[in-house]
Amino acid sequence: MMNGNPLLAGLPPVHPGAILREDILPGVDLPKTEVARRLGVSRQTLYDLLDQKQPVTPQMALRLGRLFGNSAEFWANLQRDFDLRTLEVSMAAELAAIEPVAA
């Protein structure tokens, strides 16, 4: 298991689209169509992100950071953490077969 926050141990990784859908969008008084328009993306692109069918790309991270006043790094880091935690599980056997070297 990756080194990280011990409070997160055993919890499934959270896709940034779920955070956007569950935490961010309910706090803004805008319909999803307007959010998509302000982001400069199609409604389908936004819905795919919210449904966790698409990742947060660097371009989308820049858009989301600008729209919601946080940062592109916030969104990119959420996606990176999700990807690493998801891959770590699916690659467990492959990773276990790699013999580490001392640095």
PDB file of N, CA and C in Angstrom:
ATOM      1  N   MET A   1       0.843  -1.179   0.000  1.00  0.00           N
ATOM      2  CA  MET A   1       0.000   0.000   0.000  1.00  0.00           C
ATOM      3  C   MET A   1       0.889   1.243   0.000  1.00  0.00           C
ATOM      4  N   MET A   2       0.466   2.246  -0.731  1.00  0.00           N
ATOM      5  CA  MET A   2       1.239   3.477  -0.837  1.00  0.00           C
ATOM      6  C   MET A   2       1.355   4.152   0.517  1.00  0.00           C
ATOM      7  N   ASN A   3       2.482   4.817   0.723  1.00  0.00           N
ATOM      8  CA  ASN A   3       2.612   5.630   1.925  1.00  0.00           C
ATOM      9  C   ASN A   3       1.731   6.853   1.753  1.00  0.00           C
ATOM     10  N   GLY A   4       0.989   7.182   2.779  1.00  0.00           N
ATOM     11  CA  GLY A   4       0.112   8.334   2.689  1.00  0.00           C
ATOM     12  C   GLY A   4      -0.597   8.535   4.006  1.00  0.00           C
ATOM     13  N   ASN A   5      -1.735   9.132   3.946  1.00  0.00           N
ATOM     14  CA  ASN A   5      -2.516   9.422   5.129  1.00  0.00           C
ATOM     15  C   ASN A   5      -3.072   8.128   5.724  1.00  0.00           C
ATOM     16  N   PRO A   6      -2.674   7.776   6.953  1.00  0.00           N
ATOM     17  CA  PRO A   6      -3.170   6.535   7.545  1.00  0.00           C
ATOM     18  C   PRO A   6      -4.679   6.553   7.774  1.00  0.00           C
ATOM     19  N   LEU A   7      -5.275   7.726   7.825  1.00  0.00           N
ATOM     20  CA  LEU A   7      -6.723   7.809   7.988  1.00  0.00           C
ATOM     21  C   LEU A   7      -7.467   7.315   6.752  1.00  0.00           C
ATOM     22  N   LEU A   8      -6.772   7.289   5.612  1.00  0.00           N
ATOM     23  CA  LEU A   8      -7.394   6.850   4.370  1.00  0.00           C
ATOM     24  C   LEU A   8      -7.215   5.355   4.118  1.00  0.00           C
ATOM     25  N   ALA A   9      -6.420   4.693   4.945  1.00  0.00           N
ATOM     26  CA  ALA A   9      -6.148   3.269   4.751  1.00  0.00           C
ATOM     27  C   ALA A   9      -7.456   2.491   4.758  1.00  0.00           C
ATOM     28  N   GLY A  10      -7.627   1.667   3.758  1.00  0.00           N
ATOM     29  CA  GLY A  10      -8.811   0.836   3.664  1.00  0.00           C
ATOM     30  C   GLY A  10      -9.996   1.493   2.977  1.00  0.00           C
ATOM     31  N   LEU A  11      -9.926   2.805   2.759  1.00  0.00           N
ATOM     32  CA  LEU A  11     -11.011   3.481   2.057  1.00  0.00           C
ATOM     33  C   LEU A  11     -10.777   3.404   0.557  1.00  0.00           C
ATOM     34  N   PRO A  12     -11.837   3.221  -0.221  1.00  0.00           N
ATOM     35  CA  PRO A  12     -11.650   3.189  -1.673  1.00  0.00           C
ATOM     36  C   PRO A  12     -11.246   4.563  -2.189  1.00  0.00           C
ATOM     37  N   PRO A  13     -10.483   4.603  -3.277  1.00  0.00           N
ATOM     38  CA  PRO A  13     -10.122   5.902  -3.845  1.00  0.00           C
ATOM     39  C   PRO A  13     -11.364   6.630  -4.355  1.00  0.00           C
ATOM     40  N   VAL A  14     -11.331   7.949  -4.280  1.00  0.00           N
ATOM     41  CA  VAL A  14     -12.466   8.764  -4.707  1.00  0.00           C
ATOM     42  C   VAL A  14     -12.097   9.495  -5.992  1.00  0.00           C
ATOM     43  N   HIS A  15     -12.922   9.306  -7.007  1.00  0.00           N
ATOM     44  CA  HIS A  15     -12.721   9.977  -8.296  1.00  0.00           C
ATOM     45  C   HIS A  15     -13.034  11.469  -8.135  1.00  0.00           C
ATOM     46  N   PRO A  16     -12.251  12.348  -8.780  1.00  0.00           N
ATOM     47  CA  PRO A  16     -12.529  13.783  -8.676  1.00  0.00           C
ATOM     48  C   PRO A  16     -13.931  14.153  -9.155  1.00  0.00           C
ATOM     49  N   GLY A  17     -14.474  13.390 -10.095  1.00  0.00           N
ATOM     50  CA  GLY A  17     -15.840  13.660 -10.552  1.00  0.00           C
ATOM     51  C   GLY A  17     -16.860  13.483  -9.445  1.00  0.00           C
ATOM     52  N   ALA A  18     -16.618  12.525  -8.555  1.00  0.00           N
ATOM     53  CA  ALA A  18     -17.517  12.316  -7.419  1.00  0.00           C
ATOM     54  C   ALA A  18     -17.421  13.490  -6.454  1.00  0.00           C
ATOM     55  N   ILE A  19     -16.229  14.008  -6.244  1.00  0.00           N
ATOM     56  CA  ILE A  19     -16.056  15.174  -5.368  1.00  0.00           C
ATOM     57  C   ILE A  19     -16.756  16.392  -5.968  1.00  0.00           C
ATOM     58  N   LEU A  20     -16.600  16.555  -7.266  1.00  0.00           N
ATOM     59  CA  LEU A  20     -17.277  17.655  -7.959  1.00  0.00           C
ATOM     60  C   LEU A  20     -18.791  17.509  -7.833  1.00  0.00           C
ATOM     61  N   ARG A  21     -19.288  16.304  -8.064  1.00  0.00           N
ATOM     62  CA  ARG A  21     -20.734  16.031  -8.039  1.00  0.00           C
ATOM     63  C   ARG A  21     -21.321  16.149  -6.627  1.00  0.00           C
ATOM     64  N   GLU A  22     -20.630  15.602  -5.636  1.00  0.00           N
ATOM     65  CA  GLU A  22     -21.188  15.501  -4.286  1.00  0.00           C
ATOM     66  C   GLU A  22     -20.873  16.693  -3.395  1.00  0.00           C
ATOM     67  N   ASP A  23     -19.726  17.314  -3.593  1.00  0.00           N
ATOM     68  CA  ASP A  23     -19.276  18.350  -2.666  1.00  0.00           C
ATOM     69  C   ASP A  23     -19.266  19.760  -3.257  1.00  0.00           C
ATOM     70  N   ILE A  24     -18.802  19.880  -4.488  1.00  0.00           N
ATOM     71  CA  ILE A  24     -18.602  21.223  -5.058  1.00  0.00           C
ATOM     72  C   ILE A  24     -19.883  21.776  -5.689  1.00  0.00           C
ATOM     73  N   LEU A  25     -20.471  21.026  -6.608  1.00  0.00           N
ATOM     74  CA  LEU A  25     -21.636  21.552  -7.328  1.00  0.00           C
ATOM     75  C   LEU A  25     -22.826  21.879  -6.422  1.00  0.00           C
ATOM     76  N   PRO A  26     -23.109  21.075  -5.377  1.00  0.00           N
ATOM     77  CA  PRO A  26     -24.232  21.465  -4.512  1.00  0.00           C
ATOM     78  C   PRO A  26     -24.008  22.819  -3.825  1.00  0.00           C
ATOM     79  N   GLY A  27     -22.757  23.242  -3.710  1.00  0.00           N
ATOM     80  CA  GLY A  27     -22.459  24.508  -3.052  1.00  0.00           C
ATOM     81  C   GLY A  27     -22.545  25.722  -3.961  1.00  0.00           C
ATOM     82  N   VAL A  28     -22.656  25.493  -5.261  1.00  0.00           N
ATOM     83  CA  VAL A  28     -22.787  26.619  -6.193  1.00  0.00           C
ATOM     84  C   VAL A  28     -24.207  26.612  -6.749  1.00  0.00           C
ATOM     85  N   ASP A  29     -24.740  27.775  -6.931  1.00  0.00           N
ATOM     86  CA  ASP A  29     -26.129  27.891  -7.373  1.00  0.00           C
ATOM     87  C   ASP A  29     -26.184  28.029  -8.899  1.00  0.00           C
ATOM     88  N   LEU A  30     -25.666  26.985  -9.578  1.00  0.00           N
ATOM     89  CA  LEU A  30     -25.652  27.005 -11.042  1.00  0.00           C
ATOM     90  C   LEU A  30     -26.118  25.658 -11.581  1.00  0.00           C
ATOM     91  N   PRO A  31     -26.946  25.680 -12.612  1.00  0.00           N
ATOM     92  CA  PRO A  31     -27.295  24.409 -13.261  1.00  0.00           C
ATOM     93  C   PRO A  31     -26.063  23.826 -13.962  1.00  0.00           C
ATOM     94  N   LYS A  32     -26.055  22.523 -14.130  1.00  0.00           N
ATOM     95  CA  LYS A  32     -24.914  21.857 -14.771  1.00  0.00           C
ATOM     96  C   LYS A  32     -24.670  22.388 -16.176  1.00  0.00           C
ATOM     97  N   THR A  33     -25.723  22.751 -16.881  1.00  0.00           N
ATOM     98  CA  THR A  33     -25.565  23.319 -18.223  1.00  0.00           C
ATOM     99  C   THR A  33     -24.742  24.603 -18.177  1.00  0.00           C
ATOM    100  N   GLU A  34     -25.000  25.421 -17.165  1.00  0.00           N
ATOM    101  CA  GLU A  34     -24.248  26.671 -17.012  1.00  0.00           C
ATOM    102  C   GLU A  34     -22.816  26.405 -16.579  1.00  0.00           C
ATOM    103  N   VAL A  35     -22.606  25.408 -15.727  1.00  0.00           N
ATOM    104  CA  VAL A  35     -21.245  25.035 -15.329  1.00  0.00           C
ATOM    105  C   VAL A  35     -20.459  24.608 -16.567  1.00  0.00           C
ATOM    106  N   ALA A  36     -21.052  23.759 -17.403  1.00  0.00           N
ATOM    107  CA  ALA A  36     -20.391  23.313 -18.633  1.00  0.00           C
ATOM    108  C   ALA A  36     -20.066  24.507 -19.531  1.00  0.00           C
ATOM    109  N   ARG A  37     -21.021  25.429 -19.671  1.00  0.00           N
ATOM    110  CA  ARG A  37     -20.793  26.610 -20.512  1.00  0.00           C
ATOM    111  C   ARG A  37     -19.631  27.428 -19.981  1.00  0.00           C
ATOM    112  N   ARG A  38     -19.605  27.665 -18.675  1.00  0.00           N
ATOM    113  CA  ARG A  38     -18.526  28.465 -18.084  1.00  0.00           C
ATOM    114  C   ARG A  38     -17.176  27.764 -18.188  1.00  0.00           C
ATOM    115  N   LEU A  39     -17.189  26.435 -18.147  1.00  0.00           N
ATOM    116  CA  LEU A  39     -15.943  25.677 -18.312  1.00  0.00           C
ATOM    117  C   LEU A  39     -15.482  25.642 -19.769  1.00  0.00           C
ATOM    118  N   GLY A  40     -16.395  25.939 -20.684  1.00  0.00           N
ATOM    119  CA  GLY A  40     -16.058  25.875 -22.107  1.00  0.00           C
ATOM    120  C   GLY A  40     -16.021  24.440 -22.631  1.00  0.00           C
ATOM    121  N   VAL A  41     -16.858  23.579 -22.034  1.00  0.00           N
ATOM    122  CA  VAL A  41     -16.936  22.182 -22.470  1.00  0.00           C
ATOM    123  C   VAL A  41     -18.388  21.830 -22.752  1.00  0.00           C
ATOM    124  N   SER A  42     -18.585  20.725 -23.431  1.00  0.00           N
ATOM    125  CA  SER A  42     -19.949  20.280 -23.699  1.00  0.00           C
ATOM    126  C   SER A  42     -20.589  19.748 -22.423  1.00  0.00           C
ATOM    127  N   ARG A  43     -21.909  19.725 -22.423  1.00  0.00           N
ATOM    128  CA  ARG A  43     -22.621  19.124 -21.284  1.00  0.00           C
ATOM    129  C   ARG A  43     -22.207  17.665 -21.132  1.00  0.00           C
ATOM    130  N   GLN A  44     -22.049  16.968 -22.269  1.00  0.00           N
ATOM    131  CA  GLN A  44     -21.669  15.550 -22.210  1.00  0.00           C
ATOM    132  C   GLN A  44     -20.306  15.371 -21.541  1.00  0.00           C
ATOM    133  N   THR A  45     -19.373  16.248 -21.846  1.00  0.00           N
ATOM    134  CA  THR A  45     -18.060  16.173 -21.208  1.00  0.00           C
ATOM    135  C   THR A  45     -18.188  16.326 -19.695  1.00  0.00           C
ATOM    136  N   LEU A  46     -18.984  17.301 -19.260  1.00  0.00           N
ATOM    137  CA  LEU A  46     -19.189  17.495 -17.828  1.00  0.00           C
ATOM    138  C   LEU A  46     -19.873  16.280 -17.208  1.00  0.00           C
ATOM    139  N   TYR A  47     -20.916  15.788 -17.862  1.00  0.00           N
ATOM    140  CA  TYR A  47     -21.629  14.624 -17.326  1.00  0.00           C
ATOM    141  C   TYR A  47     -20.729  13.391 -17.263  1.00  0.00           C
ATOM    142  N   ASP A  48     -19.864  13.212 -18.261  1.00  0.00           N
ATOM    143  CA  ASP A  48     -18.928  12.078 -18.231  1.00  0.00           C
ATOM    144  C   ASP A  48     -17.973  12.187 -17.045  1.00  0.00           C
ATOM    145  N   LEU A  49     -17.535  13.391 -16.736  1.00  0.00           N
ATOM    146  CA  LEU A  49     -16.674  13.596 -15.571  1.00  0.00           C
ATOM    147  C   LEU A  49     -17.443  13.312 -14.283  1.00  0.00           C
ATOM    148  N   LEU A  50     -18.646  13.852 -14.181  1.00  0.00           N
ATOM    149  CA  LEU A  50     -19.461  13.648 -12.980  1.00  0.00           C
ATOM    150  C   LEU A  50     -19.815  12.175 -12.773  1.00  0.00           C
ATOM    151  N   ASP A  51     -19.985  11.444 -13.877  1.00  0.00           N
ATOM    152  CA  ASP A  51     -20.310  10.006 -13.806  1.00  0.00           C
ATOM    153  C   ASP A  51     -19.069   9.136 -13.703  1.00  0.00           C
ATOM    154  N   GLN A  52     -17.905   9.777 -13.549  1.00  0.00           N
ATOM    155  CA  GLN A  52     -16.635   9.093 -13.369  1.00  0.00           C
ATOM    156  C   GLN A  52     -16.241   8.247 -14.588  1.00  0.00           C
ATOM    157  N   LYS A  53     -16.691   8.676 -15.760  1.00  0.00           N
ATOM    158  CA  LYS A  53     -16.362   7.988 -17.014  1.00  0.00           C
ATOM    159  C   LYS A  53     -15.131   8.594 -17.670  1.00  0.00           C
ATOM    160  N   GLN A  54     -14.763   9.800 -17.248  1.00  0.00           N
ATOM    161  CA  GLN A  54     -13.605  10.498 -17.799  1.00  0.00           C
ATOM    162  C   GLN A  54     -12.736  11.010 -16.661  1.00  0.00           C
ATOM    163  N   PRO A  55     -11.419  11.055 -16.874  1.00  0.00           N
ATOM    164  CA  PRO A  55     -10.539  11.620 -15.855  1.00  0.00           C
ATOM    165  C   PRO A  55     -10.504  13.147 -15.953  1.00  0.00           C
ATOM    166  N   VAL A  56      -9.965  13.759 -14.924  1.00  0.00           N
ATOM    167  CA  VAL A  56      -9.676  15.196 -14.973  1.00  0.00           C
ATOM    168  C   VAL A  56      -8.346  15.334 -15.701  1.00  0.00           C
ATOM    169  N   THR A  57      -8.397  15.835 -16.921  1.00  0.00           N
ATOM    170  CA  THR A  57      -7.187  16.073 -17.703  1.00  0.00           C
ATOM    171  C   THR A  57      -6.518  17.351 -17.196  1.00  0.00           C
ATOM    172  N   PRO A  58      -5.265  17.590 -17.569  1.00  0.00           N
ATOM    173  CA  PRO A  58      -4.648  18.864 -17.187  1.00  0.00           C
ATOM    174  C   PRO A  58      -5.461  20.076 -17.658  1.00  0.00           C
ATOM    175  N   GLN A  59      -6.029  19.986 -18.857  1.00  0.00           N
ATOM    176  CA  GLN A  59      -6.847  21.097 -19.364  1.00  0.00           C
ATOM    177  C   GLN A  59      -8.081  21.303 -18.491  1.00  0.00           C
ATOM    178  N   MET A  60      -8.734  20.196 -18.115  1.00  0.00           N
ATOM    179  CA  MET A  60      -9.922  20.307 -17.269  1.00  0.00           C
ATOM    180  C   MET A  60      -9.535  20.796 -15.875  1.00  0.00           C
ATOM    181  N   ALA A  61      -8.382  20.363 -15.375  1.00  0.00           N
ATOM    182  CA  ALA A  61      -7.919  20.827 -14.065  1.00  0.00           C
ATOM    183  C   ALA A  61      -7.755  22.349 -14.079  1.00  0.00           C
ATOM    184  N   LEU A  62      -7.197  22.881 -15.150  1.00  0.00           N
ATOM    185  CA  LEU A  62      -7.039  24.332 -15.267  1.00  0.00           C
ATOM    186  C   LEU A  62      -8.403  25.024 -15.281  1.00  0.00           C
ATOM    187  N   ARG A  63      -9.344  24.457 -16.032  1.00  0.00           N
ATOM    188  CA  ARG A  63     -10.691  25.041 -16.113  1.00  0.00           C
ATOM    189  C   ARG A  63     -11.394  24.999 -14.752  1.00  0.00           C
ATOM    190  N   LEU A  64     -11.357  23.840 -14.093  1.00  0.00           N
ATOM    191  CA  LEU A  64     -12.034  23.688 -12.803  1.00  0.00           C
ATOM    192  C   LEU A  64     -11.415  24.598 -11.745  1.00  0.00           C
ATOM    193  N   GLY A  65     -10.092  24.673 -11.725  1.00  0.00           N
ATOM    194  CA  GLY A  65      -9.416  25.549 -10.769  1.00  0.00           C
ATOM    195  C   GLY A  65      -9.813  27.003 -10.947  1.00  0.00           C
ATOM    196  N   ARG A  66      -9.913  27.420 -12.188  1.00  0.00           N
ATOM    197  CA  ARG A  66     -10.310  28.802 -12.484  1.00  0.00           C
ATOM    198  C   ARG A  66     -11.761  29.058 -12.077  1.00  0.00           C
ATOM    199  N   LEU A  67     -12.656  28.138 -12.453  1.00  0.00           N
ATOM    200  CA  LEU A  67     -14.083  28.340 -12.185  1.00  0.00           C
ATOM    201  C   LEU A  67     -14.387  28.354 -10.693  1.00  0.00           C
ATOM    202  N   PHE A  68     -13.777  27.441  -9.959  1.00  0.00           N
ATOM    203  CA  PHE A  68     -14.137  27.291  -8.547  1.00  0.00           C
ATOM    204  C   PHE A  68     -13.173  27.988  -7.592  1.00  0.00           C
ATOM    205  N   GLY A  69     -12.159  28.680  -8.148  1.00  0.00           N
ATOM    206  CA  GLY A  69     -11.296  29.501  -7.319  1.00  0.00           C
ATOM    207  C   GLY A  69     -10.331  28.732  -6.439  1.00  0.00           C
ATOM    208  N   ASN A  70     -10.106  27.459  -6.751  1.00  0.00           N
ATOM    209  CA  ASN A  70      -9.061  26.748  -6.012  1.00  0.00           C
ATOM    210  C   ASN A  70      -7.834  26.715  -6.919  1.00  0.00           C
ATOM    211  N   SER A  71      -7.362  25.582  -7.334  1.00  0.00           N
ATOM    212  CA  SER A  71      -6.206  25.567  -8.217  1.00  0.00           C
ATOM    213  C   SER A  71      -6.270  24.360  -9.139  1.00  0.00           C
ATOM    214  N   ALA A  72      -5.564  24.463 -10.249  1.00  0.00           N
ATOM    215  CA  ALA A  72      -5.440  23.322 -11.152  1.00  0.00           C
ATOM    216  C   ALA A  72      -4.755  22.167 -10.436  1.00  0.00           C
ATOM    217  N   GLU A  73      -3.795  22.498  -9.574  1.00  0.00           N
ATOM    218  CA  GLU A  73      -3.071  21.456  -8.836  1.00  0.00           C
ATOM    219  C   GLU A  73      -4.012  20.649  -7.944  1.00  0.00           C
ATOM    220  N   PHE A  74      -4.979  21.309  -7.333  1.00  0.00           N
ATOM    221  CA  PHE A  74      -5.957  20.603  -6.503  1.00  0.00           C
ATOM    222  C   PHE A  74      -6.629  19.500  -7.301  1.00  0.00           C
ATOM    223  N   TRP A  75      -7.142  19.845  -8.489  1.00  0.00           N
ATOM    224  CA  TRP A  75      -7.871  18.877  -9.313  1.00  0.00           C
ATOM    225  C   TRP A  75      -6.937  17.827  -9.899  1.00  0.00           C
ATOM    226  N   ALA A  76      -5.760  18.253 -10.348  1.00  0.00           N
ATOM    227  CA  ALA A  76      -4.790  17.301 -10.910  1.00  0.00           C
ATOM    228  C   ALA A  76      -4.314  16.322  -9.844  1.00  0.00           C
ATOM    229  N   ASN A  77      -4.109  16.815  -8.618  1.00  0.00           N
ATOM    230  CA  ASN A  77      -3.682  15.935  -7.527  1.00  0.00           C
ATOM    231  C   ASN A  77      -4.765  14.932  -7.154  1.00  0.00           C
ATOM    232  N   LEU A  78      -6.030  15.358  -7.166  1.00  0.00           N
ATOM    233  CA  LEU A  78      -7.120  14.414  -6.906  1.00  0.00           C
ATOM    234  C   LEU A  78      -7.094  13.286  -7.933  1.00  0.00           C
ATOM    235  N   GLN A  79      -6.913  13.658  -9.210  1.00  0.00           N
ATOM    236  CA  GLN A  79      -6.891  12.638 -10.266  1.00  0.00           C
ATOM    237  C   GLN A  79      -5.679  11.733 -10.120  1.00  0.00           C
ATOM    238  N   ARG A  80      -4.507  12.317  -9.845  1.00  0.00           N
ATOM    239  CA  ARG A  80      -3.287  11.527  -9.668  1.00  0.00           C
ATOM    240  C   ARG A  80      -3.441  10.534  -8.526  1.00  0.00           C
ATOM    241  N   ASP A  81      -3.960  11.009  -7.398  1.00  0.00           N
ATOM    242  CA  ASP A  81      -4.136  10.127  -6.243  1.00  0.00           C
ATOM    243  C   ASP A  81      -5.120   9.003  -6.562  1.00  0.00           C
ATOM    244  N   PHE A  82      -6.200   9.334  -7.250  1.00  0.00           N
ATOM    245  CA  PHE A  82      -7.177   8.316  -7.647  1.00  0.00           C
ATOM    246  C   PHE A  82      -6.529   7.278  -8.556  1.00  0.00           C
ATOM    247  N   ASP A  83      -5.794   7.751  -9.555  1.00  0.00           N
ATOM    248  CA  ASP A  83      -5.146   6.839 -10.502  1.00  0.00           C
ATOM    249  C   ASP A  83      -4.142   5.929  -9.806  1.00  0.00           C
ATOM    250  N   LEU A  84      -3.303   6.503  -8.959  1.00  0.00           N
ATOM    251  CA  LEU A  84      -2.280   5.704  -8.270  1.00  0.00           C
ATOM    252  C   LEU A  84      -2.902   4.669  -7.343  1.00  0.00           C
ATOM    253  N   ARG A  85      -3.899   5.071  -6.570  1.00  0.00           N
ATOM    254  CA  ARG A  85      -4.525   4.131  -5.634  1.00  0.00           C
ATOM    255  C   ARG A  85      -5.278   3.036  -6.382  1.00  0.00           C
ATOM    256  N   THR A  86      -5.911   3.379  -7.491  1.00  0.00           N
ATOM    257  CA  THR A  86      -6.644   2.387  -8.274  1.00  0.00           C
ATOM    258  C   THR A  86      -5.671   1.406  -8.931  1.00  0.00           C
ATOM    259  N   LEU A  87      -4.613   1.937  -9.527  1.00  0.00           N
ATOM    260  CA  LEU A  87      -3.622   1.075 -10.185  1.00  0.00           C
ATOM    261  C   LEU A  87      -2.856   0.214  -9.197  1.00  0.00           C
ATOM    262  N   GLU A  88      -2.600   0.757  -8.020  1.00  0.00           N
ATOM    263  CA  GLU A  88      -1.856  -0.007  -7.018  1.00  0.00           C
ATOM    264  C   GLU A  88      -2.565  -1.315  -6.690  1.00  0.00           C
ATOM    265  N   VAL A  89      -3.877  -1.279  -6.614  1.00  0.00           N
ATOM    266  CA  VAL A  89      -4.655  -2.482  -6.322  1.00  0.00           C
ATOM    267  C   VAL A  89      -4.602  -3.444  -7.504  1.00  0.00           C
ATOM    268  N   SER A  90      -4.830  -2.929  -8.705  1.00  0.00           N
ATOM    269  CA  SER A  90      -4.875  -3.811  -9.869  1.00  0.00           C
ATOM    270  C   SER A  90      -3.494  -4.354 -10.247  1.00  0.00           C
ATOM    271  N   MET A  91      -2.433  -3.675  -9.838  1.00  0.00           N
ATOM    272  CA  MET A  91      -1.072  -4.107 -10.161  1.00  0.00           C
ATOM    273  C   MET A  91      -0.370  -4.788  -8.993  1.00  0.00           C
ATOM    274  N   ALA A  92      -1.089  -5.128  -7.922  1.00  0.00           N
ATOM    275  CA  ALA A  92      -0.472  -5.630  -6.697  1.00  0.00           C
ATOM    276  C   ALA A  92       0.464  -6.811  -6.950  1.00  0.00           C
ATOM    277  N   ALA A  93       0.016  -7.805  -7.704  1.00  0.00           N
ATOM    278  CA  ALA A  93       0.850  -8.990  -7.950  1.00  0.00           C
ATOM    279  C   ALA A  93       2.082  -8.616  -8.762  1.00  0.00           C
ATOM    280  N   GLU A  94       1.901  -7.801  -9.777  1.00  0.00           N
ATOM    281  CA  GLU A  94       3.017  -7.366 -10.623  1.00  0.00           C
ATOM    282  C   GLU A  94       4.042  -6.576  -9.808  1.00  0.00           C
ATOM    283  N   LEU A  95       3.553  -5.690  -8.960  1.00  0.00           N
ATOM    284  CA  LEU A  95       4.458  -4.885  -8.137  1.00  0.00           C
ATOM    285  C   LEU A  95       5.185  -5.745  -7.106  1.00  0.00           C
ATOM    286  N   ALA A  96       4.489  -6.736  -6.536  1.00  0.00           N
ATOM    287  CA  ALA A  96       5.111  -7.612  -5.546  1.00  0.00           C
ATOM    288  C   ALA A  96       6.263  -8.411  -6.145  1.00  0.00           C
ATOM    289  N   ALA A  97       6.220  -8.656  -7.469  1.00  0.00           N
ATOM    290  CA  ALA A  97       7.258  -9.437  -8.136  1.00  0.00           C
ATOM    291  C   ALA A  97       8.505  -8.603  -8.428  1.00  0.00           C
ATOM    292  N   ILE A  98       8.445  -7.293  -8.247  1.00  0.00           N
ATOM    293  CA  ILE A  98       9.600  -6.436  -8.497  1.00  0.00           C
ATOM    294  C   ILE A  98      10.451  -6.377  -7.251  1.00  0.00           C
ATOM    295  N   GLU A  99      11.706  -6.780  -7.403  1.00  0.00           N
ATOM    296  CA  GLU A  99      12.638  -6.752  -6.276  1.00  0.00           C
ATOM    297  C   GLU A  99      13.242  -5.366  -6.152  1.00  0.00           C
ATOM    298  N   PRO A 100      13.000  -4.685  -5.021  1.00  0.00           N
ATOM    299  CA  PRO A 100      13.533  -3.329  -4.854  1.00  0.00           C
ATOM    300  C   PRO A 100      15.065  -3.341  -4.751  1.00  0.00           C
ATOM    301  N   VAL A 101      15.651  -2.218  -5.142  1.00  0.00           N
ATOM    302  CA  VAL A 101      17.097  -2.032  -4.991  1.00  0.00           C
ATOM    303  C   VAL A 101      17.304  -0.947  -3.945  1.00  0.00           C
ATOM    304  N   ALA A 102      18.432  -1.039  -3.240  1.00  0.00           N
ATOM    305  CA  ALA A 102      18.775  -0.015  -2.267  1.00  0.00           C
ATOM    306  C   ALA A 102      19.316   1.198  -3.002  1.00  0.00           C
ATOM    307  N   ALA A 103      18.820   2.365  -2.633  1.00  0.00           N
ATOM    308  CA  ALA A 103      19.266   3.589  -3.291  1.00  0.00           C
ATOM    309  C   ALA A 103      20.573   4.062  -2.698  1.00  0.00           C
TER     310      ALA A 103
END
